[in-house]
Amino acid sequence: MKYRDTVALIILITVFCCDDRVPLSDRYLVEEIFNSVELDSLTKRVRELSGEVPVWIAGEQDTIFSRHKDYPGNELAADYTVIYALWDEKEQGLHGSGFYAANARGTNQGIAGVINIDMIGWDSNNDGRFYVNVKDTSSSRYLSERLLEVHDIFEFDLEPVLLNPGSGSDNLVFWYYGFGAIGVEEMYGEDWNEYYHTTGDRLEQFNLAYFEDCSRLLTGTLAALVFDADLE
């Protein structure tokens, strides 16, 4: 797995294997999947990506000192039908995601949709609000509608704020190349993270309940999309 194989969920073709139990309803199946999201696993991944603890890559233990694409060892990868990507050089001009999106368009890749997750750990006033950036491009509105559906049906203690046309970050380049995408972000415009872009922006600053709820909601959204689930 590449170090950057996290965060943006690019939904291609996903096959899940179930056991021999009585088939679950779509609604129960989606709920079962997002309820399997555990905070200890989420925080462990943050510490690994921050270089605070070692990570296992292809059977070998390593420590992430840099997520830059040219850093030795970052070429390790595996192929997935659901791709988790951590784009590099965002602040320099969305170069990592831009390269991927341009290549996907140039090679006619069938990307069904992109869920770009950019900062979902800061909620200093505990209001549970977050941005959902969307645009009338390809499947973008459908992605946002499914997220809102999962939020409402399962009554997450969160408040999505839909922005259309939205802005965001790496989702912008996927819109530019005609792919459906949404950008999910904490309320940085109204609830500013004072540790933003500093070495102090670590797990200790997270609102862990907010982080966990957002992660479960987004996992449930992905499951609903993959299974084309009827949640009613």
Protein backbone atom coordinates (compact mmCIF):
# COMPACT_ATOMS: atom_id res chain seq x y z
CA MET A 1 0.00 0.00 0.00
CA LYS A 2 1.36 3.43 -0.83
CA TYR A 3 1.66 5.91 2.00
CA ARG A 4 -0.65 8.12 0.01
CA ASP A 5 -3.29 5.34 -0.29
CA THR A 6 -5.61 7.04 2.18
CA VAL A 7 -8.26 9.74 2.39
CA ALA A 8 -9.77 10.20 -1.12
CA LEU A 9 -12.11 7.33 -1.89
CA ILE A 10 -12.23 6.74 -5.62
CA ILE A 11 -15.05 4.34 -6.20
CA LEU A 12 -14.42 1.95 -9.08
CA ILE A 13 -15.68 -1.64 -8.84
CA THR A 14 -15.94 -3.21 -5.42
CA VAL A 15 -16.75 -6.84 -4.62
CA PHE A 16 -17.65 -7.76 -1.06
CA CYS A 17 -17.90 -11.39 0.09
CA CYS A 18 -20.65 -12.27 2.54
CA ASP A 19 -21.11 -15.41 4.61
CA ASP A 20 -23.96 -17.90 4.45
CA ARG A 21 -26.33 -16.09 6.79
CA VAL A 22 -29.77 -14.93 5.73
CA PRO A 23 -29.26 -11.98 3.34
CA LEU A 24 -29.26 -8.65 5.11
CA SER A 25 -31.44 -5.76 4.09
CA ASP A 26 -29.57 -2.94 2.38
CA ARG A 27 -30.21 -0.64 5.31
CA TYR A 28 -28.97 -3.12 7.91
CA LEU A 29 -25.93 -3.98 5.80
CA VAL A 30 -24.85 -0.33 5.48
CA GLU A 31 -25.39 0.20 9.22
CA GLU A 32 -23.37 -2.91 10.05
CA ILE A 33 -20.48 -1.67 7.92
CA PHE A 34 -20.22 1.84 9.39
CA ASN A 35 -20.69 0.51 12.92
CA SER A 36 -17.56 -1.58 12.37
CA VAL A 37 -15.51 1.63 12.20
CA GLU A 38 -13.49 1.82 15.43
CA LEU A 39 -11.87 4.93 16.88
CA ASP A 40 -8.71 3.07 17.91
CA SER A 41 -8.12 2.04 14.29
CA LEU A 42 -8.74 5.58 13.06
CA THR A 43 -6.34 7.14 15.55
CA LYS A 44 -3.71 4.48 14.86
CA ARG A 45 -3.78 5.43 11.16
CA VAL A 46 -3.37 9.13 12.01
CA ARG A 47 -0.33 8.35 14.16
CA GLU A 48 1.15 6.21 11.39
CA LEU A 49 0.66 8.93 8.78
CA SER A 50 2.16 11.52 11.15
CA GLY A 51 5.25 9.38 11.66
CA GLU A 52 4.58 9.03 15.38
CA VAL A 53 4.48 5.22 15.25
CA PRO A 54 5.81 2.68 12.71
CA VAL A 55 3.60 1.20 10.00
CA TRP A 56 3.72 -2.18 8.25
CA ILE A 57 4.20 -1.91 4.48
CA ALA A 58 4.30 -5.08 2.37
CA GLY A 59 5.31 -7.15 5.40
CA GLU A 60 8.07 -4.81 6.57
CA GLN A 61 8.00 -2.24 9.36
CA ASP A 62 8.78 1.33 8.39
CA THR A 63 8.25 4.86 9.66
CA ILE A 64 6.76 7.58 7.50
CA PHE A 65 9.12 10.54 7.52
CA SER A 66 7.67 12.09 4.38
CA ARG A 67 4.62 11.49 2.20
CA HIS A 68 6.24 13.09 -0.82
CA LYS A 69 5.99 10.89 -3.92
CA ASP A 70 9.77 10.88 -4.41
CA TYR A 71 10.64 9.82 -0.85
CA PRO A 72 12.29 6.36 -0.86
CA GLY A 73 9.81 3.56 -0.23
CA ASN A 74 6.72 5.51 -1.30
CA GLU A 75 6.58 3.60 -4.56
CA LEU A 76 5.19 0.53 -2.76
CA ALA A 77 1.62 -0.11 -3.80
CA ALA A 78 -1.15 -2.60 -4.29
CA ASP A 79 -4.07 -2.53 -6.66
CA TYR A 80 -7.54 -1.95 -5.21
CA THR A 81 -11.00 -1.61 -6.64
CA VAL A 82 -11.70 1.07 -4.06
CA ILE A 83 -8.64 3.32 -4.06
CA TYR A 84 -7.60 5.25 -0.96
CA ALA A 85 -5.26 8.05 -1.98
CA LEU A 86 -3.37 10.71 -0.06
CA TRP A 87 -2.46 13.30 -2.69
CA ASP A 88 0.88 15.06 -2.44
CA GLU A 89 1.72 18.67 -3.28
CA LYS A 90 -1.80 19.94 -2.73
CA GLU A 91 -0.70 23.33 -1.48
CA GLN A 92 1.65 23.78 -4.43
CA GLY A 93 -1.29 23.52 -6.85
CA LEU A 94 -3.15 20.19 -6.47
CA HIS A 95 -0.35 18.49 -8.39
CA GLY A 96 -0.81 14.95 -7.07
CA SER A 97 -4.56 14.74 -7.59
CA GLY A 98 -4.26 16.74 -10.80
CA PHE A 99 -1.83 14.21 -12.27
CA TYR A 100 -4.09 11.33 -11.29
CA ALA A 101 -7.26 12.94 -12.67
CA ALA A 102 -5.58 13.96 -15.93
CA ASN A 103 -4.17 10.48 -16.40
CA ALA A 104 -7.55 8.92 -15.61
CA ARG A 105 -9.24 11.09 -18.21
CA GLY A 106 -6.50 10.47 -20.77
CA THR A 107 -6.75 6.70 -20.38
CA ASN A 108 -10.56 6.64 -20.15
CA GLN A 109 -10.67 5.19 -16.64
CA GLY A 110 -14.16 4.52 -15.33
CA ILE A 111 -14.19 6.46 -12.08
CA ALA A 112 -17.72 6.31 -10.71
CA GLY A 113 -17.08 8.99 -8.11
CA VAL A 114 -14.62 10.59 -5.72
CA ILE A 115 -15.18 11.37 -2.05
CA ASN A 116 -12.42 13.77 -1.07
CA ILE A 117 -11.97 13.99 2.70
CA ASP A 118 -9.91 16.98 3.75
CA MET A 119 -9.74 17.80 7.47
CA ILE A 120 -12.47 16.14 9.55
CA GLY A 121 -10.89 16.32 13.01
CA TRP A 122 -11.39 19.89 14.24
CA ASP A 123 -14.67 20.94 15.88
CA SER A 124 -13.80 23.24 18.75
CA ASN A 125 -17.39 24.34 19.41
CA ASN A 126 -18.91 20.84 19.21
CA ASP A 127 -21.61 21.86 16.75
CA GLY A 128 -21.00 18.84 14.50
CA ARG A 129 -21.10 20.91 11.31
CA PHE A 130 -19.09 20.14 8.18
CA TYR A 131 -18.99 21.26 4.56
CA VAL A 132 -20.12 19.11 1.64
CA ASN A 133 -18.76 20.74 -1.52
CA VAL A 134 -20.61 19.71 -4.66
CA LYS A 135 -21.03 20.83 -8.25
CA ASP A 136 -23.33 19.88 -11.11
CA THR A 137 -20.66 17.70 -12.72
CA SER A 138 -21.22 14.05 -13.62
CA SER A 139 -22.23 12.05 -10.50
CA SER A 140 -21.37 14.79 -8.00
CA ARG A 141 -24.91 15.62 -6.93
CA TYR A 142 -25.77 11.94 -6.61
CA LEU A 143 -22.78 11.44 -4.28
CA SER A 144 -23.92 14.31 -2.07
CA GLU A 145 -27.52 13.07 -2.06
CA ARG A 146 -26.43 9.63 -0.90
CA LEU A 147 -24.32 11.17 1.88
CA LEU A 148 -27.28 13.24 3.07
CA GLU A 149 -29.54 10.19 2.85
CA VAL A 150 -27.23 8.10 5.04
CA HIS A 151 -26.91 11.01 7.47
CA ASP A 152 -30.67 11.47 7.81
CA ILE A 153 -31.74 7.83 7.93
CA PHE A 154 -29.19 6.80 10.53
CA GLU A 155 -29.50 10.07 12.48
CA PHE A 156 -25.84 10.95 12.83
CA ASP A 157 -25.11 13.66 15.39
CA LEU A 158 -23.68 15.88 12.66
CA GLU A 159 -24.88 18.78 10.51
CA PRO A 160 -23.86 18.72 6.84
CA VAL A 161 -23.65 22.15 5.19
CA LEU A 162 -24.13 21.72 1.44
CA LEU A 163 -22.26 24.15 -0.82
CA ASN A 164 -23.29 24.14 -4.50
CA PRO A 165 -21.33 25.26 -6.33
CA GLY A 166 -18.73 24.37 -3.76
CA SER A 167 -15.00 24.81 -3.59
CA GLY A 168 -12.83 22.42 -1.64
CA SER A 169 -9.43 21.02 -2.52
CA ASP A 170 -8.48 17.94 -4.53
CA ASN A 171 -12.08 17.39 -5.62
CA LEU A 172 -11.67 20.48 -7.83
CA VAL A 173 -9.40 18.76 -10.33
CA PHE A 174 -11.77 15.83 -10.70
CA TRP A 175 -14.56 18.27 -11.53
CA TYR A 176 -12.24 19.94 -14.03
CA TYR A 177 -11.72 16.64 -15.85
CA GLY A 178 -15.42 15.79 -15.78
CA PHE A 179 -15.52 13.26 -12.94
CA GLY A 180 -18.13 13.23 -10.21
CA ALA A 181 -16.74 14.28 -6.84
CA ILE A 182 -17.62 15.80 -3.49
CA GLY A 183 -15.31 17.49 -1.01
CA VAL A 184 -15.95 16.94 2.71
CA GLU A 185 -14.28 19.33 5.16
CA GLU A 186 -14.56 20.62 8.70
CA MET A 187 -15.97 24.15 9.07
CA TYR A 188 -12.63 25.89 8.60
CA GLY A 189 -14.35 29.11 7.50
CA GLU A 190 -16.31 29.51 10.73
CA ASP A 191 -14.40 27.37 13.23
CA TRP A 192 -10.75 28.02 12.44
CA ASN A 193 -8.14 25.46 13.46
CA GLU A 194 -5.36 27.49 15.05
CA TYR A 195 -2.93 24.61 14.43
CA TYR A 196 -3.63 24.52 10.68
CA HIS A 197 -0.45 23.89 8.66
CA THR A 198 1.74 23.71 11.74
CA THR A 199 3.65 20.86 13.35
CA GLY A 200 1.16 21.11 16.22
CA ASP A 201 -1.69 19.84 14.05
CA ARG A 202 -1.68 16.32 15.48
CA LEU A 203 -4.08 13.81 16.94
CA GLU A 204 -4.08 15.58 20.32
CA GLN A 205 -5.99 18.48 18.73
CA PHE A 206 -8.77 16.28 17.30
CA ASN A 207 -12.34 16.32 18.49
CA LEU A 208 -12.39 12.52 18.56
CA ALA A 209 -16.17 12.13 18.73
CA TYR A 210 -16.55 14.38 15.67
CA PHE A 211 -13.75 12.56 13.84
CA GLU A 212 -15.35 9.19 14.55
CA ASP A 213 -18.84 10.32 13.52
CA CYS A 214 -17.57 11.82 10.26
CA SER A 215 -15.58 8.68 9.51
CA ARG A 216 -18.57 6.44 10.13
CA LEU A 217 -20.85 8.60 8.02
CA LEU A 218 -18.40 8.57 5.12
CA THR A 219 -17.86 4.81 5.44
CA GLY A 220 -21.63 4.33 5.39
CA THR A 221 -21.90 6.57 2.34
CA LEU A 222 -19.27 4.52 0.54
CA ALA A 223 -21.10 1.31 1.44
CA ALA A 224 -24.42 2.72 0.20
CA LEU A 225 -22.79 3.68 -3.09
CA VAL A 226 -20.98 0.37 -3.56
CA PHE A 227 -24.10 -1.70 -2.91
CA ASP A 228 -26.48 0.76 -4.58
CA ALA A 229 -28.37 0.25 -1.35
CA ASP A 230 -32.08 0.90 -0.83
CA LEU A 231 -32.12 2.37 2.66
CA GLU A 232 -35.87 2.92 3.02
